[in-house]
Amino acid sequence: MSINATIHTNGTHTADSRILTFTNPATGQQFGQVTMTSPDEILAAREQMRSANTVWSQKPLAERIRILTQFKGLLIDSVDEISATLNQDAGKTRQDALIELFVTVDIMSQYLKHAPKWLARERIPKGLYFFRNYYTEQRPYGTVGVIGPWNYPLVLVLPAMFAALLAGNTVLIKPSEVTAATGVLIEQLINRIPDLAPFVRVLHGDGQVGAGLVASKPDLIFVTGSTTTGKKILHAAAEHLIPVITELGGKDPLLVLEDADVEAAAKWGVWGAFFNAGQTCMSVERVYVVEAVYDRFLQAVIAEAQNFKMGYDTSKQSPYSYGPLTFDRQLDTINDHLEDALAKGAHVLYGGRQDNLFMEPTILLNVNHSMKIMHEETFGPIMPIMKVKDEAEALALANDCDFGLGASVWTQDVKRGERLAHKIDSGTVLVNDTISHFAVPLLPFGGIKQSGNGRTHGREDLLQFTQTHAYSIGQPPLALDIATIMRYPGHYQLGKNLMHVAFGTSLKQRLAPIRETLEDEGTKHKLLAAATAIGATAVAWRWLTKK
């Protein structure tokens, strides 16, 4: 797709409008532009979505599913257009762009299938009120602001929009200004579904437009981006107590144990480090190799890196493994980390050459945790490798990080790998694979620590766009309910006895009320009198029946 005309978000143009130019990072060629959304237009879009929510949220779920199914079908029909745009806008190969769309559509398909169950009313146990009914329902927040990144401008935007809409929200989307052509395409695709178009607005522009979106006070914000960006949005949203869901950066470790399949660890470690030029939040960003297999691993990694080719073309059958970095600011970060590491004693084992925004697969040795490249997110095609003594040292170094998005453990003893995985501070851990978990639609994805607080994929993803409402239904309080009796004074002993019987942690504790009753002198006399009366009645009955 080539966009040659200026595209306006609301069909108007003002004298002070700013222009975003689309530039292919591989060629430097400009291929289109879009007018940034103005502050007034942001506020107008927010009000439109607020009003539209009263319509969208009241549509039956089946109707929302019908409309969103149309949108999913349109994406499939538009696969070549979408992959061509991502190829031009981000420098991705057409196949990598296809993978991004494939995962997007897969997630949508699963959500459409499971949404009726996930969003269904849930019955709640009655507790002490035996004659009442309790249940919860999920309701939408209202209007959700989705702030997207530039590294995966499709799959990290559309599923969030899709889940929010499916849950009954209207949506404001702020795509990254770095991949603005993809943002325009998203808007065009939405507008091709007349039943969907009134309930989504796309806000084009830079960080000021993102700030304007936050300032417009949406009911919920979902942001995918760097930890620095996430902190800024959290700070701004806190002033208005706007809840924020964050999917932020990572510094994922790869641990190679002495019993690993070294060739497989090298093959998929290289893929996990260099896929999409390393511009993936769950990329392999640091590697710890047990010394027993260190030399073998280095040899295998070099061999794999030699087969990982960078380059760019527009064909659907591209021979390249990855394209350019998406923009020059990211290259600045990469070079800062690289220079810092080299100054502190690291050296390049393989690669390292740069040509404009293209960077070879780069393998770095003699690294340590004093270097930025081992504790700050690099987001580029660099694989720093560190020799460790054993599993314990690898684990300690893997956990010595402010991020906690993903991790990878390599061992031929799968049970050992699983045990180690449970000790790693990370949202997701893979045993004998890298970064592939994102492609599993129902497996929750997200991080801990400074990697964010959200979860995409699956039930957790959809329900984070809802708020739980609880209901208690029944007649006025009945005297037979124990909880009703306890509303009145004079029932301390009853409550105490009930607590022991119902919640006691041992048989002795549960039977305590019976023991106390039997030990009470007044109760003993009453029981003796009752027993005497019962005995006398039995004797009289036997005498009468004999007559």
Protein backbone atom coordinates (compact mmCIF):
# COMPACT_ATOMS: atom_id res chain seq x y z
CA MET A 1 0.00 0.00 0.00
CA SER A 2 1.32 3.45 -0.84
CA ILE A 3 -0.26 6.51 0.73
CA ASN A 4 0.43 9.62 -1.28
CA ALA A 5 -2.24 12.04 -0.13
CA THR A 6 -2.56 13.71 3.23
CA ILE A 7 -5.06 11.78 5.35
CA HIS A 8 -7.00 13.59 8.06
CA THR A 9 -8.47 11.80 11.05
CA ASN A 10 -11.70 13.70 10.90
CA GLY A 11 -11.82 14.95 7.31
CA THR A 12 -10.75 18.49 8.19
CA HIS A 13 -7.55 20.45 7.91
CA THR A 14 -6.43 23.40 9.98
CA ALA A 15 -3.63 25.85 9.37
CA ASP A 16 -1.64 24.76 12.42
CA SER A 17 -1.90 21.01 11.78
CA ARG A 18 1.35 19.09 12.03
CA ILE A 19 2.34 16.48 9.50
CA LEU A 20 3.77 13.01 10.11
CA THR A 21 5.81 11.77 7.18
CA PHE A 22 6.05 8.05 6.43
CA THR A 23 9.64 6.94 5.82
CA ASN A 24 10.79 3.46 4.87
CA PRO A 25 13.61 2.66 7.35
CA ALA A 26 15.29 0.35 4.84
CA THR A 27 15.50 2.81 1.96
CA GLY A 28 14.97 6.21 3.53
CA GLN A 29 12.22 6.80 0.97
CA GLN A 30 9.23 8.90 2.01
CA PHE A 31 5.97 7.36 0.86
CA GLY A 32 3.15 9.30 2.47
CA GLN A 33 2.02 11.46 5.33
CA VAL A 34 -0.79 12.00 7.79
CA THR A 35 -1.98 15.03 9.72
CA MET A 36 -1.54 14.71 13.46
CA THR A 37 -4.68 14.79 15.55
CA SER A 38 -5.06 18.16 17.25
CA PRO A 39 -5.87 18.63 20.95
CA ASP A 40 -9.42 19.70 20.09
CA GLU A 41 -9.88 16.65 17.88
CA ILE A 42 -8.67 14.39 20.70
CA LEU A 43 -11.26 15.82 23.06
CA ALA A 44 -13.95 15.55 20.41
CA ALA A 45 -13.03 11.91 19.77
CA ARG A 46 -13.21 11.21 23.49
CA GLU A 47 -16.70 12.70 23.70
CA GLN A 48 -17.80 10.75 20.62
CA MET A 49 -16.62 7.50 22.17
CA ARG A 50 -18.26 8.36 25.48
CA SER A 51 -21.61 8.83 23.73
CA ALA A 52 -21.12 5.85 21.43
CA ASN A 53 -20.46 3.60 24.40
CA THR A 54 -24.09 3.84 25.47
CA VAL A 55 -24.94 2.16 22.17
CA TRP A 56 -22.08 -0.33 21.85
CA SER A 57 -22.18 -1.59 25.44
CA GLN A 58 -25.92 -2.28 25.14
CA LYS A 59 -25.52 -4.44 22.06
CA PRO A 60 -25.96 -8.12 22.90
CA LEU A 61 -22.69 -9.98 23.00
CA ALA A 62 -23.81 -12.03 20.00
CA GLU A 63 -24.13 -8.82 17.99
CA ARG A 64 -20.67 -7.60 19.02
CA ILE A 65 -19.29 -10.99 18.03
CA ARG A 66 -21.00 -10.74 14.63
CA ILE A 67 -19.49 -7.33 13.92
CA LEU A 68 -16.02 -8.25 15.12
CA THR A 69 -16.13 -11.46 13.09
CA GLN A 70 -16.60 -9.25 10.02
CA PHE A 71 -13.50 -7.32 11.01
CA LYS A 72 -11.48 -10.50 11.43
CA GLY A 73 -12.61 -11.64 8.00
CA LEU A 74 -11.55 -8.31 6.50
CA LEU A 75 -8.05 -8.72 7.96
CA ILE A 76 -7.73 -12.12 6.31
CA ASP A 77 -8.93 -10.72 2.97
CA SER A 78 -6.43 -7.85 3.29
CA VAL A 79 -3.36 -9.94 4.09
CA ASP A 80 -1.30 -8.77 1.08
CA GLU A 81 -2.17 -5.12 1.66
CA ILE A 82 -1.27 -5.39 5.34
CA SER A 83 2.03 -7.21 4.80
CA ALA A 84 3.04 -4.71 2.11
CA THR A 85 2.35 -1.79 4.47
CA LEU A 86 4.34 -3.32 7.33
CA ASN A 87 7.16 -4.11 4.92
CA GLN A 88 7.31 -0.49 3.80
CA ASP A 89 6.58 1.09 7.17
CA ALA A 90 8.79 -1.00 9.48
CA GLY A 91 11.20 -2.70 7.09
CA LYS A 92 9.94 -6.17 8.03
CA THR A 93 10.02 -9.00 5.55
CA ARG A 94 6.63 -9.81 4.07
CA GLN A 95 6.72 -13.15 5.89
CA ASP A 96 7.41 -11.53 9.27
CA ALA A 97 4.53 -9.16 8.59
CA LEU A 98 2.37 -12.18 7.75
CA ILE A 99 3.36 -13.83 11.04
CA GLU A 100 2.25 -10.70 12.90
CA LEU A 101 -1.14 -10.81 11.18
CA PHE A 102 -1.41 -14.59 11.62
CA VAL A 103 -0.99 -14.33 15.41
CA THR A 104 -3.44 -11.42 15.50
CA VAL A 105 -6.15 -13.37 13.69
CA ASP A 106 -5.49 -16.48 15.79
CA ILE A 107 -6.01 -14.49 19.00
CA MET A 108 -9.20 -12.96 17.63
CA SER A 109 -10.56 -16.37 16.66
CA GLN A 110 -10.05 -17.73 20.16
CA TYR A 111 -11.63 -14.68 21.79
CA LEU A 112 -14.70 -14.90 19.57
CA LYS A 113 -15.06 -18.57 20.51
CA HIS A 114 -14.61 -18.22 24.27
CA ALA A 115 -16.06 -14.77 25.00
CA PRO A 116 -19.60 -16.04 25.80
CA LYS A 117 -18.18 -18.26 28.53
CA TRP A 118 -15.63 -15.74 29.85
CA LEU A 119 -18.19 -12.93 30.04
CA ALA A 120 -21.04 -15.05 31.39
CA ARG A 121 -22.73 -14.43 34.72
CA GLU A 122 -21.01 -16.39 37.50
CA ARG A 123 -22.96 -17.80 40.45
CA ILE A 124 -21.39 -17.27 43.87
CA PRO A 125 -21.80 -19.60 46.93
CA LYS A 126 -24.42 -18.36 49.38
CA GLY A 127 -22.39 -18.33 52.57
CA LEU A 128 -24.68 -18.12 55.66
CA TYR A 129 -27.63 -16.69 53.71
CA PHE A 130 -29.21 -19.91 52.53
CA PHE A 131 -32.28 -18.29 50.99
CA ARG A 132 -30.60 -15.66 48.78
CA ASN A 133 -28.85 -15.85 45.39
CA TYR A 134 -25.52 -14.24 44.56
CA TYR A 135 -23.73 -13.72 41.25
CA THR A 136 -21.23 -11.51 39.48
CA GLU A 137 -21.30 -9.95 36.03
CA GLN A 138 -18.58 -8.30 33.96
CA ARG A 139 -19.25 -4.80 32.70
CA PRO A 140 -17.08 -2.66 30.41
CA TYR A 141 -15.15 0.32 31.72
CA GLY A 142 -16.53 2.67 29.08
CA THR A 143 -13.90 4.09 26.74
CA VAL A 144 -10.47 2.46 26.58
CA GLY A 145 -7.37 4.24 25.32
CA VAL A 146 -4.96 1.88 23.54
CA ILE A 147 -1.44 3.26 23.10
CA GLY A 148 0.58 1.09 20.73
CA PRO A 149 4.29 0.53 20.02
CA TRP A 150 6.30 0.63 16.82
CA ASN A 151 8.03 -2.76 16.88
CA TYR A 152 4.83 -4.77 16.30
CA PRO A 153 2.33 -2.08 15.31
CA LEU A 154 -0.36 -4.59 14.35
CA VAL A 155 -0.32 -7.49 16.82
CA LEU A 156 0.31 -5.23 19.81
CA VAL A 157 -2.61 -2.94 18.94
CA LEU A 158 -5.42 -4.85 17.23
CA PRO A 159 -5.91 -7.66 19.79
CA ALA A 160 -6.11 -5.09 22.60
CA MET A 161 -8.67 -3.09 20.61
CA PHE A 162 -10.51 -6.31 19.80
CA ALA A 163 -10.68 -7.49 23.43
CA ALA A 164 -11.81 -4.07 24.64
CA LEU A 165 -14.59 -3.94 22.04
CA LEU A 166 -15.66 -7.51 22.69
CA ALA A 167 -16.00 -6.66 26.38
CA GLY A 168 -18.32 -3.75 25.48
CA ASN A 169 -15.98 -0.75 25.48
CA THR A 170 -15.46 1.86 22.82
CA VAL A 171 -11.83 2.51 21.91
CA LEU A 172 -9.40 5.34 21.23
CA ILE A 173 -6.24 4.10 19.48
CA LYS A 174 -2.98 6.02 19.46
CA PRO A 175 -0.57 4.21 17.11
CA SER A 176 3.16 4.89 17.24
CA GLU A 177 4.32 7.85 15.21
CA VAL A 178 7.31 5.75 14.12
CA THR A 179 5.03 3.40 12.14
CA ALA A 180 2.34 5.91 11.31
CA ALA A 181 1.42 4.33 7.96
CA THR A 182 0.31 1.20 9.78
CA GLY A 183 -1.82 3.39 12.06
CA VAL A 184 -3.49 4.89 9.00
CA LEU A 185 -4.10 1.44 7.56
CA ILE A 186 -5.69 0.31 10.84
CA GLU A 187 -8.03 3.29 10.66
CA GLN A 188 -8.93 2.49 7.06
CA LEU A 189 -9.64 -1.15 7.87
CA ILE A 190 -11.91 -0.18 10.77
CA ASN A 191 -13.80 2.26 8.55
CA ARG A 192 -14.47 -0.49 6.01
CA ILE A 193 -16.81 -2.14 8.54
CA PRO A 194 -19.73 0.32 8.84
CA ASP A 195 -21.13 -1.40 11.93
CA LEU A 196 -17.78 -1.04 13.71
CA ALA A 197 -16.53 2.36 12.57
CA PRO A 198 -18.67 4.49 14.95
CA PHE A 199 -17.12 2.85 18.00
CA VAL A 200 -13.38 3.34 17.38
CA ARG A 201 -11.28 6.44 16.79
CA VAL A 202 -7.64 6.51 15.73
CA LEU A 203 -5.52 9.41 16.97
CA HIS A 204 -2.43 10.00 14.84
CA GLY A 205 0.65 11.72 16.19
CA ASP A 206 3.64 11.80 18.48
CA GLY A 207 4.05 11.78 22.25
CA GLN A 208 2.01 14.97 22.61
CA VAL A 209 -0.98 13.21 21.08
CA GLY A 210 -0.45 10.34 23.52
CA ALA A 211 -0.34 12.84 26.37
CA GLY A 212 -3.53 14.41 25.01
CA LEU A 213 -5.22 11.03 25.01
CA VAL A 214 -4.33 10.50 28.67
CA ALA A 215 -5.46 14.04 29.51
CA SER A 216 -8.83 13.41 27.86
CA LYS A 217 -9.55 11.03 30.76
CA PRO A 218 -10.50 7.72 29.16
CA ASP A 219 -11.92 5.21 31.60
CA LEU A 220 -9.00 2.81 31.17
CA ILE A 221 -5.62 2.99 29.44
CA PHE A 222 -3.79 0.04 27.88
CA VAL A 223 -0.21 0.84 26.91
CA THR A 224 2.48 -1.27 25.27
CA GLY A 225 5.90 0.32 25.14
CA SER A 226 9.11 0.96 26.99
CA THR A 227 9.30 1.10 30.76
CA THR A 228 10.17 4.79 30.52
CA THR A 229 7.02 5.49 28.51
CA GLY A 230 4.93 3.39 30.89
CA LYS A 231 6.14 5.37 33.90
CA LYS A 232 5.23 8.68 32.24
CA ILE A 233 1.72 7.48 31.42
CA LEU A 234 1.21 6.04 34.91
CA HIS A 235 2.29 9.34 36.44
CA ALA A 236 -0.06 11.38 34.26
CA ALA A 237 -2.98 9.00 34.73
CA ALA A 238 -2.55 8.90 38.51
CA GLU A 239 -3.72 12.51 38.81
CA HIS A 240 -7.19 11.40 37.65
CA LEU A 241 -7.06 7.88 39.15
CA ILE A 242 -7.33 6.37 35.67
CA PRO A 243 -6.42 2.67 35.80
CA VAL A 244 -3.52 1.76 33.51
CA ILE A 245 -2.62 -1.67 32.15
CA THR A 246 1.03 -1.85 31.12
CA GLU A 247 2.98 -4.20 28.86
CA LEU A 248 6.53 -2.87 29.05
CA GLY A 249 10.14 -3.82 28.42
CA GLY A 250 12.15 -6.94 29.03
CA LYS A 251 15.69 -8.20 29.44
CA ASP A 252 15.06 -11.89 28.94
CA PRO A 253 17.79 -14.34 29.94
CA LEU A 254 18.65 -17.63 28.26
CA LEU A 255 20.26 -20.29 30.48
CA VAL A 256 22.25 -23.12 28.88
CA LEU A 257 22.94 -25.96 31.34
CA GLU A 258 25.67 -28.57 31.00
CA ASP A 259 23.20 -31.22 29.78
CA ALA A 260 21.58 -29.02 27.14
CA ASP A 261 21.20 -29.87 23.47
CA VAL A 262 23.82 -27.28 22.61
CA GLU A 263 23.08 -27.10 18.89
CA ALA A 264 19.36 -26.57 19.49
CA ALA A 265 20.06 -23.97 22.20
CA ALA A 266 22.32 -22.09 19.79
CA LYS A 267 19.89 -22.33 16.86
CA TRP A 268 16.85 -21.07 18.71
CA GLY A 269 18.85 -18.74 20.94
CA VAL A 270 20.08 -16.95 17.83
CA TRP A 271 16.55 -16.83 16.45
CA GLY A 272 15.23 -15.47 19.75
CA ALA A 273 17.95 -12.82 19.89
CA PHE A 274 17.87 -11.59 16.29
CA PHE A 275 14.28 -12.09 15.08
CA ASN A 276 12.83 -8.71 14.01
CA ALA A 277 16.35 -7.26 14.43
CA GLY A 278 16.10 -7.93 18.16
CA GLN A 279 13.25 -5.44 18.43
CA THR A 280 11.01 -7.75 20.47
CA CYS A 281 10.16 -7.22 24.12
CA MET A 282 10.81 -10.90 24.89
CA SER A 283 13.97 -11.17 22.78
CA VAL A 284 16.91 -13.13 24.16
CA GLU A 285 18.90 -10.19 25.56
CA ARG A 286 21.45 -11.99 27.75
CA VAL A 287 22.83 -15.53 27.76
CA TYR A 288 24.36 -17.52 30.62
CA VAL A 289 26.22 -20.69 29.61
CA VAL A 290 27.60 -23.26 32.05
CA GLU A 291 31.37 -23.51 31.49
CA ALA A 292 31.27 -27.22 30.63
CA VAL A 293 29.53 -26.46 27.29
CA TYR A 294 30.62 -22.84 26.82
CA ASP A 295 33.10 -23.39 23.97
CA ARG A 296 30.76 -25.71 22.08
CA PHE A 297 27.96 -23.21 22.43
CA LEU A 298 30.07 -20.36 21.01
CA GLN A 299 31.00 -22.40 17.96
CA ALA A 300 27.38 -23.35 17.38
CA VAL A 301 26.16 -19.77 17.83
CA ILE A 302 28.63 -18.44 15.26
CA ALA A 303 27.49 -21.05 12.76
CA GLU A 304 23.85 -20.10 13.30
CA ALA A 305 24.52 -16.37 13.16
CA GLN A 306 26.21 -16.82 9.80
CA ASN A 307 22.95 -18.19 8.44
CA PHE A 308 20.91 -15.30 9.85
CA LYS A 309 20.92 -12.75 7.03
CA MET A 310 19.88 -9.14 7.21
CA GLY A 311 18.51 -7.27 4.21
CA TYR A 312 15.43 -5.81 2.61
CA ASP A 313 13.21 -6.39 -0.36
CA THR A 314 9.50 -6.16 -1.08
CA SER A 315 8.93 -9.69 -2.34
CA LYS A 316 6.74 -12.22 -0.57
CA GLN A 317 9.55 -14.79 -0.78
CA SER A 318 12.27 -12.69 0.80
CA PRO A 319 15.51 -14.58 1.56
CA TYR A 320 16.33 -12.33 4.51
CA SER A 321 15.99 -13.22 8.19
CA TYR A 322 15.35 -9.63 9.27
CA GLY A 323 15.38 -6.08 8.00
CA PRO A 324 16.59 -2.76 9.38
CA LEU A 325 16.12 -1.22 12.77
CA THR A 326 12.91 0.75 12.66
CA PHE A 327 14.28 4.19 13.52
CA ASP A 328 17.51 5.96 14.41
CA ARG A 329 16.72 6.62 18.06
CA GLN A 330 16.82 2.91 18.71
CA LEU A 331 20.19 2.69 17.00
CA ASP A 332 21.45 5.35 19.42
CA THR A 333 20.44 3.19 22.38
CA ILE A 334 22.09 0.11 20.89
CA ASN A 335 25.36 1.93 20.23
CA ASP A 336 25.34 3.44 23.71
CA HIS A 337 25.07 -0.04 25.23
CA LEU A 338 27.67 -1.45 22.86
CA GLU A 339 30.19 1.32 23.52
CA ASP A 340 29.69 1.01 27.26
CA ALA A 341 30.33 -2.75 27.12
CA LEU A 342 33.43 -2.42 24.95
CA ALA A 343 34.84 0.28 27.21
CA LYS A 344 34.44 -2.07 30.20
CA GLY A 345 36.23 -5.01 28.59
CA ALA A 346 33.73 -6.78 26.36
CA HIS A 347 34.67 -7.73 22.82
CA VAL A 348 32.77 -8.61 19.64
CA LEU A 349 33.06 -12.27 18.68
CA TYR A 350 30.98 -11.94 15.53
CA GLY A 351 29.27 -9.20 13.52
CA GLY A 352 28.88 -5.67 14.74
CA ARG A 353 28.99 -3.85 11.42
CA GLN A 354 26.34 -1.22 10.68
CA ASP A 355 25.07 0.37 7.49
CA ASN A 356 22.56 3.13 8.11
CA LEU A 357 19.78 1.35 10.05
CA PHE A 358 21.00 -2.15 9.21
CA MET A 359 23.06 -3.95 11.86
CA GLU A 360 24.63 -7.37 11.55
CA PRO A 361 23.84 -10.10 14.07
CA THR A 362 26.32 -9.33 16.83
CA ILE A 363 27.73 -11.70 19.45
CA LEU A 364 29.41 -10.14 22.45
CA LEU A 365 31.71 -11.85 24.97
CA ASN A 366 33.45 -10.95 28.27
CA VAL A 367 30.31 -9.24 29.52
CA ASN A 368 29.28 -8.73 33.14
CA HIS A 369 26.55 -7.07 35.14
CA SER A 370 28.39 -3.78 35.44
CA MET A 371 27.53 -3.15 31.81
CA LYS A 372 24.32 -1.54 30.53
CA ILE A 373 23.95 -4.29 27.98
CA MET A 374 23.33 -6.82 30.77
CA HIS A 375 20.72 -4.91 32.76
CA GLU A 376 19.08 -2.30 30.49
CA GLU A 377 16.82 -3.17 27.56
CA THR A 378 18.91 -2.97 24.37
CA PHE A 379 16.25 -3.85 21.79
CA GLY A 380 18.64 -4.69 18.98
CA PRO A 381 20.44 -7.60 17.25
CA ILE A 382 23.06 -8.14 19.97
CA MET A 383 23.57 -11.39 21.88
CA PRO A 384 25.80 -10.93 24.96
CA ILE A 385 27.08 -14.26 26.31
CA MET A 386 28.46 -14.84 29.80
CA LYS A 387 30.24 -17.96 31.10
CA VAL A 388 28.97 -19.24 34.47
CA LYS A 389 30.16 -21.99 36.79
CA ASP A 390 26.90 -23.88 37.26
CA GLU A 391 23.11 -23.76 37.37
CA ALA A 392 23.07 -21.87 40.66
CA GLU A 393 25.15 -19.01 39.28
CA ALA A 394 23.07 -18.89 36.10
CA LEU A 395 19.89 -18.63 38.18
CA ALA A 396 21.29 -15.91 40.44
CA LEU A 397 22.36 -13.80 37.45
CA ALA A 398 19.08 -14.38 35.61
CA ASN A 399 17.18 -13.01 38.61
CA ASP A 400 19.59 -10.08 39.07
CA CYS A 401 17.46 -7.77 36.94
CA ASP A 402 14.74 -5.14 37.28
CA PHE A 403 12.79 -6.73 34.42
CA GLY A 404 10.79 -9.95 34.49
CA LEU A 405 9.06 -10.59 31.18
CA GLY A 406 10.36 -13.93 29.90
CA ALA A 407 13.20 -16.42 30.21
CA SER A 408 14.47 -19.58 28.55
CA VAL A 409 16.08 -22.68 30.09
CA TRP A 410 17.92 -25.31 28.06
CA THR A 411 18.42 -28.84 29.38
CA GLN A 412 17.64 -32.31 28.06
CA ASP A 413 16.19 -33.15 31.48
CA VAL A 414 12.77 -31.54 31.05
CA LYS A 415 11.81 -32.08 34.70
CA ARG A 416 15.01 -30.34 35.79
CA GLY A 417 14.22 -27.49 33.44
CA GLU A 418 10.72 -27.18 34.86
CA ARG A 419 12.04 -27.08 38.43
CA LEU A 420 14.49 -24.35 37.49
CA ALA A 421 11.78 -22.45 35.61
CA HIS A 422 9.76 -22.13 38.82
CA LYS A 423 12.73 -20.37 40.46
CA ILE A 424 13.13 -17.67 37.80
CA ASP A 425 11.50 -14.30 38.46
CA SER A 426 9.65 -13.91 35.20
CA GLY A 427 6.13 -13.73 33.83
CA THR A 428 6.82 -16.62 31.43
CA VAL A 429 9.56 -19.24 31.28
CA LEU A 430 10.18 -21.55 28.34
CA VAL A 431 12.04 -24.84 28.62
CA ASN A 432 13.94 -25.62 25.39
CA ASP A 433 12.51 -22.85 23.21
CA THR A 434 12.57 -19.04 22.84
CA ILE A 435 9.94 -16.30 22.32
CA SER A 436 7.40 -18.74 20.79
CA HIS A 437 5.01 -18.48 23.75
CA PHE A 438 3.56 -15.25 22.39
CA ALA A 439 1.98 -17.21 19.55
CA VAL A 440 -0.18 -19.27 21.94
CA PRO A 441 -3.49 -17.32 22.05
CA LEU A 442 -4.77 -18.64 25.38
CA LEU A 443 -1.48 -18.62 27.31
CA PRO A 444 -1.35 -15.45 29.46
CA PHE A 445 1.50 -13.19 28.40
CA GLY A 446 2.96 -10.43 30.55
CA GLY A 447 5.67 -9.54 33.00
CA ILE A 448 6.49 -8.76 36.59
CA LYS A 449 8.65 -6.06 38.18
CA GLN A 450 9.38 -3.27 35.65
CA SER A 451 8.06 -5.33 32.75
CA GLY A 452 4.51 -4.25 33.54
CA ASN A 453 1.34 -5.37 35.27
CA GLY A 454 -0.91 -6.52 32.43
CA ARG A 455 -1.67 -9.86 30.83
CA THR A 456 -2.53 -10.29 27.20
CA HIS A 457 -3.84 -13.50 25.63
CA GLY A 458 -6.70 -15.56 26.96
CA ARG A 459 -9.35 -15.00 29.60
CA GLU A 460 -7.13 -12.70 31.68
CA ASP A 461 -6.72 -10.41 28.69
CA LEU A 462 -10.41 -10.03 27.92
CA LEU A 463 -11.50 -9.63 31.54
CA GLN A 464 -8.94 -6.90 32.26
CA PHE A 465 -11.12 -4.69 30.07
CA THR A 466 -14.08 -5.24 32.40
CA GLN A 467 -15.05 -4.46 35.96
CA THR A 468 -16.70 -7.07 38.18
CA HIS A 469 -20.14 -6.16 39.54
CA ALA A 470 -21.71 -8.24 42.32
CA TYR A 471 -25.41 -8.84 43.03
CA SER A 472 -27.41 -10.18 46.01
CA ILE A 473 -30.96 -11.20 45.10
CA GLY A 474 -33.78 -12.50 47.33
CA GLN A 475 -36.69 -11.80 49.69
CA PRO A 476 -36.28 -9.71 52.88
CA PRO A 477 -34.05 -11.38 55.52
CA LEU A 478 -35.56 -14.59 56.84
CA ALA A 479 -35.51 -15.51 60.50
CA LEU A 480 -34.22 -18.99 59.66
CA ASP A 481 -30.95 -17.67 58.22
CA ILE A 482 -28.19 -17.92 60.77
CA ALA A 483 -26.75 -14.67 59.46
CA THR A 484 -30.09 -13.00 60.16
CA ILE A 485 -30.16 -14.32 63.72
CA MET A 486 -26.66 -12.91 64.27
CA ARG A 487 -27.92 -9.42 63.47
CA TYR A 488 -29.67 -9.38 66.86
CA PRO A 489 -27.88 -9.02 70.21
CA GLY A 490 -27.59 -11.90 72.66
CA HIS A 491 -26.21 -14.53 70.28
CA TYR A 492 -22.50 -14.36 71.06
CA GLN A 493 -22.31 -18.01 72.13
CA LEU A 494 -24.19 -19.12 69.03
CA GLY A 495 -21.76 -17.26 66.79
CA LYS A 496 -18.76 -18.64 68.65
CA ASN A 497 -20.04 -22.20 68.42
CA LEU A 498 -20.84 -21.82 64.73
CA MET A 499 -17.37 -20.46 64.00
CA HIS A 500 -15.76 -23.47 65.68
CA VAL A 501 -17.95 -26.02 63.94
CA ALA A 502 -17.83 -24.45 60.47
CA PHE A 503 -14.24 -23.21 60.32
CA GLY A 504 -12.28 -25.17 62.89
CA THR A 505 -8.87 -26.33 61.68
CA SER A 506 -8.88 -29.60 63.65
CA LEU A 507 -11.42 -32.12 64.97
CA LYS A 508 -10.72 -30.93 68.49
CA GLN A 509 -11.48 -27.34 67.52
CA ARG A 510 -14.65 -28.32 65.70
CA LEU A 511 -15.93 -30.36 68.65
CA ALA A 512 -15.07 -27.66 71.22
CA PRO A 513 -18.69 -26.35 71.48
CA ILE A 514 -19.94 -29.86 72.36
CA ARG A 515 -17.22 -30.30 74.97
CA GLU A 516 -17.96 -26.91 76.52
CA THR A 517 -21.68 -27.71 76.64
CA LEU A 518 -21.08 -31.02 78.40
CA GLU A 519 -18.71 -29.43 80.92
CA ASP A 520 -21.25 -26.73 81.90
CA GLU A 521 -22.83 -27.60 85.34
CA GLY A 522 -26.21 -26.14 84.46
CA THR A 523 -26.28 -28.11 81.26
CA LYS A 524 -25.33 -31.31 83.13
CA HIS A 525 -28.35 -30.94 85.44
CA LYS A 526 -30.65 -30.27 82.49
CA LEU A 527 -29.33 -33.30 80.61
CA LEU A 528 -29.71 -35.50 83.76
CA ALA A 529 -33.29 -34.32 84.25
CA ALA A 530 -34.04 -34.94 80.59
CA ALA A 531 -32.51 -38.40 80.74
CA THR A 532 -34.52 -39.23 83.89
CA ALA A 533 -37.73 -38.07 82.24
CA ILE A 534 -36.98 -40.09 79.11
CA GLY A 535 -36.21 -43.16 81.24
CA ALA A 536 -39.43 -42.83 83.27
CA THR A 537 -41.47 -42.43 80.10
CA ALA A 538 -39.88 -45.56 78.64
CA VAL A 539 -40.71 -47.59 81.78
CA ALA A 540 -44.32 -46.35 81.77
CA TRP A 541 -44.69 -47.16 78.06
CA ARG A 542 -43.42 -50.69 78.55
CA TRP A 543 -45.83 -51.21 81.53
CA LEU A 544 -48.79 -49.93 79.49
CA THR A 545 -47.98 -52.06 76.44
CA LYS A 546 -47.78 -55.18 78.62
CA LYS A 547 -51.30 -54.47 79.86
